[in-house]
Protein backbone atom coordinates (compact mmCIF):
# COMPACT_ATOMS: atom_id res chain seq x y z
CA MET A 1 0.00 0.00 0.00
CA THR A 2 1.86 3.09 -1.27
CA VAL A 3 1.15 6.78 -1.83
CA SER A 4 2.67 9.53 -4.00
CA LEU A 5 4.44 12.48 -2.37
CA LYS A 6 5.19 16.09 -3.38
CA GLN A 7 7.64 18.63 -1.94
CA CYS A 8 6.53 21.34 0.49
CA ARG A 9 7.96 23.90 2.95
CA THR A 10 10.22 22.74 5.82
CA PHE A 11 9.12 22.91 9.48
CA SER A 12 10.44 21.50 12.75
CA PHE A 13 8.79 20.71 16.10
CA SER A 14 11.37 20.62 18.83
CA ASP A 15 9.57 19.30 21.91
CA GLY A 16 7.82 16.01 22.39
CA THR A 17 5.70 15.69 19.29
CA LEU A 18 8.06 14.29 16.67
CA LYS A 19 11.61 15.41 17.53
CA ASP A 20 12.81 12.07 18.87
CA GLU A 21 10.90 9.88 16.42
CA ALA A 22 13.23 7.55 14.57
CA LYS A 23 10.54 6.60 12.05
CA ARG A 24 9.39 8.59 9.06
CA LEU A 25 5.74 9.44 9.74
CA VAL A 26 2.82 10.88 7.78
CA VAL A 27 -0.07 12.76 9.44
CA TRP A 28 -3.16 10.64 8.86
CA TRP A 29 -6.00 11.88 11.09
CA TYR A 30 -6.93 14.19 13.98
CA GLY A 31 -8.15 12.83 17.29
CA PRO A 32 -9.56 14.10 20.61
CA VAL A 33 -8.62 17.25 22.52
CA GLU A 34 -7.48 17.43 26.14
CA LYS A 35 -6.37 20.03 28.67
CA ASN A 36 -2.69 21.00 28.58
CA THR A 37 -1.30 20.61 32.11
CA ARG A 38 2.04 22.29 31.28
CA ALA A 39 1.21 25.18 28.94
CA GLU A 40 -2.35 25.79 30.14
CA SER A 41 -3.13 28.53 27.61
CA VAL A 42 -2.99 26.10 24.65
CA PRO A 43 -5.14 22.91 24.55
CA LYS A 44 -3.57 19.61 23.53
CA ILE A 45 -4.81 17.45 20.66
CA TYR A 46 -3.95 13.90 19.59
CA VAL A 47 -2.69 13.46 16.04
CA PHE A 48 -2.69 10.06 14.33
CA PHE A 49 0.31 9.15 12.17
CA ARG A 50 1.34 6.23 9.99
CA PRO A 51 4.94 5.14 9.43
CA ILE A 52 5.97 5.54 5.80
CA ASP A 53 9.14 3.92 4.49
CA GLN A 54 11.49 5.20 1.79
CA ASN A 55 9.39 3.41 -0.84
CA ASN A 56 6.28 5.22 0.47
CA ASN A 57 4.71 2.07 1.91
CA LEU A 58 2.40 2.77 4.87
CA GLY A 59 2.48 1.12 8.31
CA ASP A 60 -0.03 0.88 11.18
CA VAL A 61 -1.60 3.93 12.83
CA ILE A 62 0.04 5.45 15.94
CA ASP A 63 -0.87 8.61 17.90
CA ARG A 64 1.11 11.51 19.37
CA PRO A 65 -0.03 14.62 21.32
CA THR A 66 0.64 18.20 20.22
CA VAL A 67 -1.08 21.57 20.74
CA LEU A 68 -4.14 22.75 18.84
CA THR A 69 -2.31 25.77 17.40
CA HIS A 70 0.16 23.51 15.55
CA ILE A 71 -2.51 21.69 13.54
CA GLY A 72 -2.29 24.28 10.76
CA LEU A 73 1.30 23.10 10.19
CA LEU A 74 0.66 19.41 10.90
CA ARG A 75 -1.62 19.07 7.87
CA ILE A 76 -3.08 15.69 7.08
CA GLY A 77 -0.78 14.12 4.49
CA SER A 78 2.39 15.93 5.63
CA VAL A 79 5.42 13.65 6.06
CA TRP A 80 7.75 14.06 9.07
CA GLU A 81 11.21 12.69 9.80
CA GLN A 82 12.96 13.46 13.10
CA GLY A 83 10.72 16.45 13.69
CA VAL A 84 11.15 17.94 10.20
CA SER A 85 8.69 17.93 7.28
CA ASN A 86 9.37 18.82 3.65
CA SER A 87 6.94 16.61 1.67
CA ARG A 88 3.32 15.50 1.72
CA ILE A 89 0.87 13.13 0.05
CA ALA A 90 -0.48 14.31 -3.30
CA PHE A 91 -4.23 13.93 -2.66
CA ASP A 92 -6.95 14.57 -5.26
CA GLU A 93 -8.09 18.22 -5.42
CA ARG A 94 -11.78 19.09 -5.90
CA THR A 95 -14.08 22.11 -5.54
CA PHE A 96 -17.68 21.55 -4.39
CA PRO A 97 -20.79 23.76 -4.22
CA VAL A 98 -22.23 23.54 -0.69
CA SER A 99 -24.74 25.21 1.63
CA PHE A 100 -23.41 26.49 4.93
CA SER A 101 -26.96 27.04 6.24
CA PRO A 102 -28.67 24.62 8.65
CA GLY A 103 -30.16 21.79 6.62
CA GLY A 104 -27.26 21.78 4.19
CA TRP A 105 -24.92 19.97 6.57
CA ARG A 106 -24.84 17.81 9.70
CA ILE A 107 -22.32 16.57 12.26
CA VAL A 108 -21.56 12.85 11.98
CA SER A 109 -19.12 10.47 13.60
CA LEU A 110 -17.14 7.66 12.05
CA ASP A 111 -19.40 5.30 13.98
CA ASP A 112 -22.44 6.89 12.30
CA LEU A 113 -20.93 6.23 8.89
CA ARG A 114 -20.14 2.61 9.69
CA LYS A 115 -23.61 1.98 11.17
CA ALA A 116 -25.15 3.39 7.99
CA GLY A 117 -23.12 0.90 5.97
CA ARG A 118 -20.99 3.56 4.31
CA SER A 119 -17.56 2.27 3.46
CA LEU A 120 -14.32 4.15 4.20
CA TYR A 121 -12.60 2.20 1.43
CA THR A 122 -10.85 4.41 -1.12
CA SER A 123 -9.32 3.53 -4.45
CA PHE A 124 -6.72 6.27 -3.78
CA HIS A 125 -4.42 3.77 -2.06
CA ASP A 126 -6.58 0.62 -2.43
CA ASP A 127 -7.48 0.29 1.25
CA TYR A 128 -9.77 1.64 3.97
CA TYR A 129 -8.69 5.17 4.87
CA LEU A 130 -9.20 4.38 8.57
CA PRO A 131 -9.21 0.94 10.24
CA LEU A 132 -12.54 -0.60 11.12
CA ASP A 133 -12.19 0.00 14.86
CA ARG A 134 -13.06 2.79 17.30
CA LYS A 135 -9.54 4.05 17.99
CA GLN A 136 -9.73 7.03 15.62
CA ARG A 137 -13.12 8.29 16.79
CA SER A 138 -13.85 11.89 15.81
CA TYR A 139 -16.55 14.11 14.35
CA LEU A 140 -16.94 15.28 10.76
CA ILE A 141 -19.13 17.80 8.95
CA GLU A 142 -21.14 16.17 6.18
CA PHE A 143 -22.25 18.56 3.43
CA ASP A 144 -25.00 17.59 1.00
CA LEU A 145 -24.00 18.03 -2.65
CA PRO A 146 -26.42 18.91 -5.49
CA ASP A 147 -25.92 15.52 -7.17
CA GLY A 148 -27.04 13.63 -4.05
CA LYS A 149 -23.51 12.80 -2.98
CA HIS A 150 -21.70 14.07 0.12
CA LEU A 151 -18.57 15.95 1.17
CA LEU A 152 -17.07 14.94 4.52
CA ILE A 153 -14.56 17.14 6.36
CA PRO A 154 -13.02 16.47 9.80
CA CYS A 155 -14.31 19.06 12.29
CA THR A 156 -10.75 19.81 13.41
CA GLU A 157 -9.71 20.63 9.84
CA PHE A 158 -12.77 22.86 9.37
CA PHE A 159 -12.04 24.70 12.61
CA THR A 160 -8.36 25.13 11.77
CA ARG A 161 -8.87 26.43 8.24
CA VAL A 162 -12.25 28.22 8.23
CA TYR A 163 -12.31 29.87 11.67
CA GLY A 164 -10.11 32.82 10.73
CA ARG A 165 -6.58 32.93 9.43
CA SER A 166 -4.48 33.05 12.63
CA SER A 167 -3.80 30.28 15.13
CA GLU A 168 -4.46 32.82 17.90
CA ILE A 169 -8.18 32.85 17.06
CA LYS A 170 -8.35 29.09 17.47
CA ARG A 171 -6.32 29.13 20.69
CA VAL A 172 -8.49 31.74 22.35
CA LEU A 173 -11.83 30.24 21.26
CA ALA A 174 -10.83 26.80 22.57
CA THR A 175 -9.28 28.00 25.85
CA TYR A 176 -11.45 30.73 27.40
CA PRO A 177 -15.11 31.51 28.20
CA TRP A 178 -16.82 34.10 26.04
CA GLU A 179 -16.16 37.21 28.13
CA LYS A 180 -12.44 36.44 28.22
CA VAL A 181 -12.51 35.69 24.49
CA LYS A 182 -13.74 39.23 23.88
CA GLU A 183 -11.10 40.67 26.22
CA ARG A 184 -8.31 38.89 24.35
CA LEU A 185 -9.46 39.49 20.79
CA TYR A 186 -11.22 42.86 20.70
CA ARG A 187 -10.39 46.45 21.56
CA PRO A 188 -12.95 49.24 22.20
CA LEU A 189 -14.17 51.16 19.17
CA ASN A 190 -13.28 54.83 18.98
CA ALA A 191 -16.68 55.78 17.53
CA PRO A 192 -20.12 54.16 17.14
CA ALA A 193 -20.84 52.14 14.01
CA ALA A 194 -22.20 54.01 11.00
CA PRO A 195 -25.39 52.58 9.45
CA GLY A 196 -24.70 49.64 7.16
CA THR A 197 -21.16 49.06 8.44
CA TRP A 198 -19.52 46.65 10.88
CA PRO A 199 -16.50 48.34 12.47
CA VAL A 200 -14.15 46.06 14.40
CA LYS A 201 -10.97 46.81 16.31
CA PHE A 202 -8.81 43.90 17.42
CA THR A 203 -5.56 42.96 19.11
CA TYR A 204 -2.24 42.75 17.30
CA ARG A 205 -2.00 39.00 18.02
CA VAL A 206 -4.61 38.15 15.41
CA HIS A 207 -4.15 38.76 11.70
CA LYS A 208 -5.82 41.46 9.62
CA HIS A 209 -7.60 38.78 7.57
CA ASP A 210 -9.31 37.58 10.77
CA ALA A 211 -11.47 40.70 10.52
CA ILE A 212 -14.39 38.96 8.78
CA LEU A 213 -14.76 36.27 11.45
CA LEU A 214 -14.20 38.79 14.25
CA ALA A 215 -16.84 41.13 12.83
CA HIS A 216 -19.39 38.33 12.46
CA MET A 217 -18.74 37.15 16.01
CA LEU A 218 -19.43 40.73 17.15
CA TYR A 219 -22.51 41.56 15.06
CA ASP A 220 -23.96 38.24 13.87
CA HIS A 221 -25.68 36.12 16.53
CA TYR A 222 -25.33 32.97 14.41
CA ALA A 223 -21.55 33.36 14.23
CA GLU A 224 -21.32 34.23 17.92
CA GLN A 225 -23.19 31.05 18.89
CA ALA A 226 -20.96 28.90 16.66
CA ALA A 227 -17.85 30.45 18.23
CA ARG A 228 -19.21 30.09 21.78
CA ARG A 229 -19.79 26.36 21.26
CA ILE A 230 -16.07 25.73 20.73
CA TYR A 231 -15.19 26.39 24.37
CA SER A 232 -18.52 25.40 25.92
CA GLN A 233 -18.37 21.84 24.58
CA LEU A 234 -14.84 21.41 25.92
CA GLU A 235 -15.68 22.96 29.29
CA ALA A 236 -18.82 20.83 29.65
CA ARG A 237 -16.84 17.62 29.18
CA PHE A 238 -13.84 18.47 31.36
CA PRO A 239 -12.37 16.85 33.40
CA GLU A 240 -12.64 13.99 30.92
CA GLU A 241 -9.17 13.07 29.77
CA LYS A 242 -9.99 13.15 26.04
CA ILE A 243 -12.83 15.05 24.38
CA LEU A 244 -14.21 14.62 20.87
CA PHE A 245 -14.35 17.98 19.14
CA GLU A 246 -17.13 19.55 17.04
CA ALA A 247 -16.93 22.66 14.86
CA THR A 248 -19.80 23.92 12.71
CA PRO A 249 -20.08 26.57 9.95
CA TRP A 250 -20.18 30.06 11.48
CA PHE A 251 -22.00 31.72 8.57
CA GLN A 252 -24.98 30.85 6.39
CA GLY A 253 -25.67 30.82 2.67
CA SER A 254 -24.42 28.97 -0.39
CA GLY A 255 -20.81 28.89 -1.48
CA GLU A 256 -17.92 26.65 -2.40
CA LEU A 257 -15.27 24.60 -0.63
CA SER A 258 -12.01 23.64 -2.31
CA VAL A 259 -10.45 20.56 -0.74
CA SER A 260 -7.90 17.84 -1.30
CA GLY A 261 -8.67 14.31 -0.19
CA VAL A 262 -9.90 10.91 -1.33
CA PRO A 263 -13.15 9.43 -2.70
CA ILE A 264 -14.84 6.91 -0.39
CA ASP A 265 -18.04 4.87 -0.21
CA GLY A 266 -17.88 3.76 -3.83
CA GLY A 267 -17.53 7.33 -5.04
CA ASN A 268 -20.71 8.49 -3.29
CA SER A 269 -18.74 10.63 -0.83
CA PHE A 270 -15.51 12.61 -0.89
CA LEU A 271 -13.39 12.78 2.25
CA GLY A 272 -11.89 16.27 2.29
CA LEU A 273 -8.70 15.94 4.33
CA GLN A 274 -7.31 19.41 3.60
CA ILE A 275 -9.35 22.57 3.02
CA LEU A 276 -7.65 24.64 0.33
CA GLY A 277 -10.13 27.50 0.07
CA CYS A 278 -13.64 28.68 0.84
CA THR A 279 -16.26 31.29 -0.03
CA GLN A 280 -16.52 34.37 2.20
CA PRO A 281 -19.93 35.31 3.66
CA ASP A 282 -21.92 38.23 2.26
CA GLY A 283 -22.89 41.09 4.52
CA ALA A 284 -22.25 44.65 5.60
CA THR A 285 -19.03 46.46 4.77
CA ILE A 286 -16.44 45.74 7.47
CA HIS A 287 -14.22 48.55 8.74
CA ARG A 288 -11.21 47.00 10.40
CA GLU A 289 -8.63 48.50 12.73
CA ARG A 290 -5.77 46.55 14.27
CA GLU A 291 -4.23 47.48 17.61
CA LYS A 292 -0.98 49.40 17.14
CA SER A 293 0.54 49.64 20.63
CA ALA A 294 -0.07 49.16 24.33
CA THR A 295 1.09 51.09 27.38
CA VAL A 296 0.37 48.56 30.11
CA PRO A 297 2.86 46.79 32.37
CA ALA A 298 3.44 43.10 31.76
CA THR A 299 2.17 40.74 34.46
CA ASP A 300 1.46 37.03 34.57
CA GLY A 301 -1.92 35.44 34.96
CA ASP A 302 -5.18 34.99 33.07
CA ASP A 303 -6.31 38.57 33.68
CA ALA A 304 -3.05 40.12 32.46
CA PRO A 305 -3.40 42.48 29.48
CA THR A 306 -1.47 41.46 26.41
CA PRO A 307 1.42 43.85 25.64
CA PHE A 308 2.58 44.82 22.19
CA PRO A 309 5.29 42.51 20.80
CA TYR A 310 8.80 43.72 21.48
CA HIS A 311 10.64 42.75 18.34
CA GLN A 312 9.53 40.97 15.20
CA LEU A 313 12.18 38.76 13.65
CA GLN A 314 12.53 39.60 9.96
CA ASP A 315 14.85 36.72 9.03
CA ILE A 316 12.84 33.53 9.43
CA PRO A 317 15.10 30.52 10.12
CA ASP A 318 15.15 27.72 7.57
CA VAL A 319 14.09 25.32 10.33
CA ILE A 320 11.60 26.66 12.89
CA ASP A 321 11.49 25.06 16.35
CA LEU A 322 8.04 25.21 17.96
CA THR A 323 7.34 23.99 21.49
CA ASP A 324 4.10 22.61 22.90
CA ASP A 325 5.35 22.45 26.52
CA GLU A 326 6.31 26.06 27.30
CA GLU A 327 4.66 29.46 27.01
CA PRO A 328 6.48 32.50 25.54
CA ASP A 329 8.48 34.87 27.74
CA HIS A 330 7.44 38.42 28.48
CA GLY A 331 9.59 40.75 26.40
CA SER A 332 10.53 38.07 23.90
CA SER A 333 10.85 38.47 20.15
CA TRP A 334 8.04 37.21 17.99
CA LEU A 335 8.10 35.27 14.76
CA ASP A 336 5.45 35.35 12.05
CA ILE A 337 5.04 31.84 10.61
CA THR A 338 2.88 31.13 7.58
CA GLU A 339 0.85 27.98 7.02
CA ASP A 340 -0.41 26.86 3.62
CA GLU A 341 -2.14 29.59 1.63
CA PHE A 342 -5.93 29.82 1.80
CA VAL A 343 -7.80 30.64 -1.42
CA ILE A 344 -10.78 33.00 -1.29
CA LEU A 345 -13.34 31.55 -3.70
CA GLY A 346 -15.84 33.74 -5.51
CA LYS A 347 -16.62 37.33 -4.55
CA PRO A 348 -14.48 38.64 -1.66
CA ARG A 349 -16.14 40.48 1.22
CA VAL A 350 -15.74 44.26 1.26
CA VAL A 351 -13.29 45.10 4.07
CA LEU A 352 -11.89 48.60 4.48
CA ASP A 353 -8.98 49.64 6.67
CA LYS A 354 -9.21 52.62 8.97
CA ARG A 355 -6.70 55.16 7.72
CA TYR A 356 -5.22 57.73 10.07
CA THR A 357 -2.05 59.63 10.80
CA ARG A 358 -0.32 58.11 13.79
CA LYS A 359 0.42 60.60 16.56
CA ASN A 360 3.01 60.30 19.30
CA VAL A 361 2.09 57.37 21.53
CA PRO A 362 3.89 56.56 24.78
CA ASP A 363 5.93 53.41 24.26
CA THR A 364 6.72 51.18 27.22
CA ARG A 365 8.32 48.37 25.30
CA GLY A 366 11.46 46.83 26.68
CA VAL A 367 14.71 46.45 24.78
CA PRO A 368 15.55 42.74 24.66
CA VAL A 369 18.39 41.50 22.48
CA PRO A 370 16.60 40.42 19.27
CA GLY A 371 17.05 36.89 18.08
CA ASP A 372 18.15 35.35 21.40
CA GLU A 373 15.20 32.95 21.45
CA THR A 374 15.90 29.42 20.23
CA ILE A 375 12.33 28.08 20.29
CA PHE A 376 8.90 29.66 19.88
CA SER A 377 5.44 29.08 21.37
CA THR A 378 1.87 30.10 20.52
CA GLY A 379 0.66 30.37 24.13
CA GLU A 380 0.03 33.32 26.47
CA LEU A 381 3.03 35.31 27.70
CA TYR A 382 4.23 33.89 31.03
CA GLY A 383 7.41 34.43 33.01
CA SER A 384 10.80 35.15 31.48
CA GLY A 385 14.26 33.71 31.00
CA LYS A 386 13.15 30.46 29.35
CA GLY A 387 14.45 31.53 25.92
CA VAL A 388 10.99 31.00 24.39
CA GLY A 389 9.77 33.54 21.82
CA GLN A 390 6.27 34.25 20.58
CA ALA A 391 5.05 32.45 17.46
CA SER A 392 2.29 34.03 15.41
CA ILE A 393 0.99 31.40 12.97
CA HIS A 394 -1.43 32.31 10.19
CA ALA A 395 -2.56 31.14 6.76
CA PRO A 396 -2.01 33.85 4.12
CA ILE A 397 -4.87 34.30 1.67
CA THR A 398 -4.77 34.20 -2.09
CA LEU A 399 -7.55 35.43 -4.34
CA GLU A 400 -9.14 33.22 -6.96
CA SER A 401 -8.57 34.70 -10.42
CA GLN A 402 -11.41 34.53 -12.93
CA GLY A 403 -9.10 35.48 -15.80
CA PHE A 404 -7.57 38.87 -16.52
CA LEU A 405 -10.54 40.67 -18.09
CA ARG A 406 -13.06 39.26 -15.60
CA ASP A 407 -10.77 40.27 -12.73
CA MET A 408 -10.81 43.89 -13.95
CA TRP A 409 -14.61 43.86 -14.13
CA ASN A 410 -14.95 42.25 -10.70
CA ALA A 411 -12.48 44.73 -9.20
CA LEU A 412 -14.64 47.63 -10.40
CA LEU A 413 -17.75 46.01 -8.92
CA TYR A 414 -15.89 45.52 -5.65
CA LEU A 415 -14.82 49.17 -5.53
CA LYS A 416 -18.38 50.26 -6.31
CA SER A 417 -19.57 48.23 -3.30
CA ALA A 418 -16.78 49.61 -1.12
CA TYR A 419 -17.30 53.25 -2.14
CA PRO A 420 -20.96 53.57 -3.20
CA THR A 421 -21.11 57.35 -2.75
CA ALA A 422 -18.07 57.87 -4.98
CA ILE A 423 -18.71 55.25 -7.70
CA HIS A 424 -22.31 55.49 -8.87
CA SER A 425 -22.35 52.95 -11.70
CA VAL A 426 -20.22 50.47 -13.60
CA SER A 427 -21.30 49.15 -17.01
CA TRP A 428 -19.79 47.32 -19.96
CA PHE A 429 -20.42 48.16 -23.61
CA THR A 430 -20.87 46.41 -26.93
CA PHE A 431 -22.40 47.89 -30.08
CA GLU A 432 -25.13 45.23 -29.98
CA ASP A 433 -26.07 45.59 -26.29
CA GLY A 434 -25.19 49.21 -25.60
CA PHE A 435 -24.23 49.90 -21.99
CA SER A 436 -25.18 47.05 -19.65
CA THR A 437 -24.85 46.35 -15.93
CA SER A 438 -25.35 42.61 -16.41
CA PRO A 439 -22.95 40.72 -14.11
CA ASP A 440 -21.43 38.84 -17.06
CA PRO A 441 -19.60 41.30 -19.34
CA ARG A 442 -19.32 40.70 -23.08
CA LEU A 443 -16.43 41.60 -25.35
CA ILE A 444 -16.27 43.44 -28.66
CA SER A 445 -14.58 41.26 -31.28
CA LEU A 446 -11.96 42.94 -33.45
CA GLU A 447 -12.56 42.99 -37.19
CA PRO A 448 -10.22 40.75 -39.22
CA PHE A 449 -8.28 42.30 -42.07
CA GLY A 450 -9.56 41.65 -45.57
CA THR A 451 -7.61 39.73 -48.17
CA ASP A 452 -7.01 42.99 -50.06
CA ASP A 453 -5.62 44.84 -47.02
CA GLU A 454 -1.89 45.39 -47.34
CA VAL A 455 -0.64 44.58 -43.84
CA GLU A 456 2.20 42.50 -42.53
CA THR A 457 1.46 38.91 -41.56
CA SER A 458 2.12 39.59 -37.86
CA VAL A 459 -0.40 42.45 -37.93
CA ALA A 460 -3.01 40.36 -39.71
CA ASN A 461 -2.53 37.50 -37.26
CA TRP A 462 -2.61 39.72 -34.17
CA VAL A 463 -6.39 40.15 -34.33
CA TYR A 464 -6.83 36.42 -33.62
CA MET A 465 -6.60 34.67 -30.28
CA ASP A 466 -5.74 31.53 -32.24
CA THR A 467 -4.53 31.78 -35.81
CA GLN A 468 -5.45 28.14 -36.50
CA THR A 469 -9.09 28.31 -35.40
CA LYS A 470 -9.46 32.01 -36.36
CA VAL A 471 -11.01 32.93 -33.01
CA LEU A 472 -10.98 36.74 -32.92
CA ARG A 473 -9.40 38.74 -30.10
CA GLY A 474 -11.90 40.56 -27.88
CA VAL A 475 -11.88 43.97 -26.21
CA LEU A 476 -13.55 44.81 -22.90
CA VAL A 477 -14.93 48.36 -22.73
CA ILE A 478 -16.19 49.68 -19.38
CA LYS A 479 -17.81 52.96 -18.36
CA VAL A 480 -17.51 54.14 -14.76
CA HIS A 481 -19.39 57.06 -13.23
CA VAL A 482 -16.99 58.14 -10.50
CA LEU A 483 -16.94 61.40 -8.56
CA GLY A 484 -19.25 63.11 -11.01
CA GLN A 485 -17.44 62.22 -14.22
CA ALA A 486 -17.69 59.50 -16.86
CA LEU A 487 -14.51 57.45 -17.12
CA TYR A 488 -13.86 54.76 -19.75
CA LEU A 489 -11.49 51.80 -19.55
CA MET A 490 -10.46 49.54 -22.41
CA GLU A 491 -8.66 46.21 -22.01
CA LEU A 492 -7.40 43.77 -24.66
CA GLN A 493 -7.90 40.04 -24.46
CA ARG A 494 -4.61 38.17 -23.91
CA ARG A 495 -3.48 34.98 -25.59
CA PRO A 496 -2.61 32.20 -23.14
CA PRO A 497 1.08 31.24 -23.05
CA LYS A 498 1.94 28.20 -25.12
CA PRO A 499 3.96 25.30 -23.68
CA ARG A 500 7.40 24.57 -25.04
CA ASN A 501 7.62 21.68 -27.49
CA GLY A 502 7.71 18.38 -25.61
CA SER A 503 7.51 20.12 -22.24
CA ARG A 504 4.86 21.04 -19.71
CA GLU A 505 6.67 24.27 -18.94
CA GLU A 506 5.35 27.52 -20.34
CA GLY A 507 7.18 29.00 -23.29
CA SER A 508 7.61 32.69 -23.96
CA LYS A 509 4.80 34.76 -22.48
CA PRO A 510 2.64 36.95 -24.73
CA PRO A 511 3.05 40.74 -24.61
CA SER A 512 1.84 42.46 -21.46
CA TYR A 513 -0.51 45.06 -22.91
CA LYS A 514 -1.28 48.28 -21.10
CA GLY A 515 -4.85 49.36 -20.51
CA LEU A 516 -6.40 52.50 -21.97
CA VAL A 517 -8.28 55.01 -19.80
CA PHE A 518 -10.01 58.07 -21.25
CA THR A 519 -12.58 60.80 -20.70
CA LEU A 520 -14.46 62.65 -23.43
CA ASP A 521 -15.19 66.33 -23.87
CA HIS A 522 -18.52 65.39 -25.46
CA GLN A 523 -20.20 62.07 -24.59
CA ASP A 524 -21.87 61.81 -28.00
CA SER A 525 -18.44 61.26 -29.58
CA PHE A 526 -18.00 57.96 -27.71
CA GLU A 527 -18.99 55.46 -30.41
CA HIS A 528 -17.14 57.26 -33.20
CA TRP A 529 -13.92 57.45 -31.13
CA LEU A 530 -14.28 53.83 -29.98
CA ARG A 531 -14.60 52.58 -33.58
CA GLN A 532 -11.42 54.45 -34.46
CA VAL A 533 -9.58 52.89 -31.52
CA LEU A 534 -10.80 49.37 -32.34
CA SER A 535 -9.62 49.75 -35.92
CA ASN A 536 -6.29 51.42 -35.20
CA VAL A 537 -5.32 49.14 -32.30
CA ARG A 538 -4.98 46.31 -34.83
CA HIS A 539 -2.32 48.20 -36.81
CA VAL A 540 -0.21 48.89 -33.70
CA GLU A 541 -0.69 45.29 -32.41
CA GLY A 542 -2.14 46.41 -29.09
CA VAL A 543 0.37 49.15 -28.24
CA VAL A 544 -2.37 51.53 -27.08
CA GLN A 545 0.02 54.32 -26.06
CA LYS A 546 0.33 55.08 -29.78
CA LEU A 547 -3.38 55.99 -29.88
CA VAL A 548 -3.86 58.37 -26.96
CA ARG A 549 -3.00 61.63 -28.74
CA HIS A 550 -6.01 61.30 -31.05
CA CYS A 551 -8.59 61.18 -28.23
CA PRO A 552 -11.31 63.90 -28.31
CA GLY A 553 -10.79 64.48 -24.62
CA PHE A 554 -8.12 63.06 -22.32
CA ALA A 555 -6.51 59.62 -22.70
CA ASP A 556 -3.65 57.81 -21.04
CA THR A 557 -2.38 54.28 -20.59
CA PHE A 558 -1.92 52.36 -17.36
CA LYS A 559 0.03 49.33 -16.26
CA HIS A 560 -1.31 46.38 -14.29
CA PRO A 561 0.68 46.19 -11.06
CA LYS A 562 0.16 43.45 -8.51
CA ALA A 563 -0.08 44.51 -4.89
CA LYS A 564 0.08 42.28 -1.81
CA ASN A 565 -2.72 44.20 -0.13
CA GLU A 566 -5.25 43.81 -2.96
CA ASN A 567 -8.74 42.95 -1.74
CA VAL A 568 -9.58 41.43 -5.13
CA PRO A 569 -7.45 40.61 -8.19
CA GLY A 570 -7.22 43.63 -10.48
CA GLU A 571 -7.89 46.23 -7.76
CA ALA A 572 -4.41 47.77 -8.03
CA SER A 573 -4.78 48.01 -11.82
CA VAL A 574 -8.12 49.82 -11.56
CA LEU A 575 -6.77 52.24 -8.96
CA ASN A 576 -3.78 52.87 -11.23
CA ALA A 577 -6.17 53.70 -14.07
CA PHE A 578 -8.10 56.08 -11.81
CA SER A 579 -4.87 57.80 -10.82
CA LYS A 580 -4.23 58.75 -14.46
CA VAL A 581 -7.22 61.11 -14.29
CA GLY A 582 -6.31 62.37 -10.83
CA ILE A 583 -8.54 60.10 -8.72
CA MET A 584 -6.84 58.45 -5.75
CA ARG A 585 -8.19 55.93 -3.23
CA ALA A 586 -8.33 58.69 -0.62
CA ASP A 587 -10.69 60.61 -2.91
CA LEU A 588 -13.03 57.60 -3.02
CA SER A 589 -13.09 57.05 0.74
CA GLY A 590 -13.32 60.76 1.54
CA HIS A 591 -16.33 61.41 -0.66
């Protein structure tokens, strides 16, 4: 019984979990949770492993304890050798439409599946994924699929990947009662909420992309109840040694889940072992603000306020040692560790950052020698002198691209939602449809050259997306009413890169065309000017900067930069286009 592996990032766990293991092990399943008697601010969890030899043959299941905050690194399928992991099983990847509302899912146990006669056999490695005994008992979420089949996801995986981006969220929700959860995660708002908005201010120890979950927990009773149940179920079952863990969806509505895993039950169910991405919930615009500093003295104990971190390490070690037996020292450095990326599927939620000029703030931070710490922990600050730094673990997000032209359209719709008083309308144009606000934009096809036209072969071929099938290149034309003026954007359809002969690698990439942005002195000249552009752009093979001087108004070109802080793909490009006519983001938010 063998599996296929792929390379991944390297991590190390220094204490207890896997450091002294002589065998090569693969994470296979998540088990029960129990109280941590040494580092009390981080619950323990049992992880099931299987030995895997150098030929990738699997052995019998064994279990080891670790802390709940490390599960985002100990992904199911990751392979570990002497505390270090740099490969994992290559599971099947699928994306499923699901309902997160009650009635679209249920909590089931492995026993429930067996009693219903549903087999855990999978053709992935020609065996049962879990043995037919009760050792690996745990709960799963079962989603109903439109075709009558089912998607099963371990509750621990759902909690780890869908309940926010940072491990701190999970640690706090599983460790403290609700009032102490709010003390540790939130900070008081500076002003009351404006109608139709959800402002949220939170501690530095959680990540900025936790804002959506934090806002829902604050304003949405359904999300609050789901979050409350995490601790209440554990507290209700203590002092039991081991507790089976449930986690349910914290928002409602339809959406998608992208997972990797294995088919089971004769193909009637898919066991999602890793969540790769998920839809974000719809709702009010979220205004987020993250704590910048603190001026409180550091003291031990559950009621101690959390001070601002003293020094963030910029150079992340190649091998990171994380401990599950000690809590971080007061005054220690902190290390930002990233888990696997998390893909936002579909339309992202509108989240705006509070922008302000920082004034002088008293700073009571100590001056430790940076980089002295040899190991790091995700727990609460406690004591000093142990040489244990603070570990901030989070899953960075990536945005699902719908293709270049669709991304530009979606980015404009996003900005319209974010700044409705500044951007009044967004519409696309074709000569057949006129201006339309339909959610699915259409393109204008370029006219091919006639056989009598005297043009070079490269020019004649440029109008086609594919010269063999003669599929014509399209142009997306968009009109935006922004800050009292009509603004037009034009984007050219790109050819996909072709693979090199006999290779899966991409060959030379096609030209990176600039976009065209323009305003008109007289709106009734739009169609005449557009027809000129669509004709002339063929002769210059998409180099639109050669066309701007003929515009009956103002025209300029813009590049398509990529920014790390984009809320949606294409946002930076749209804002760059706006800047060419003197419109900045601050103008949108200040209107």
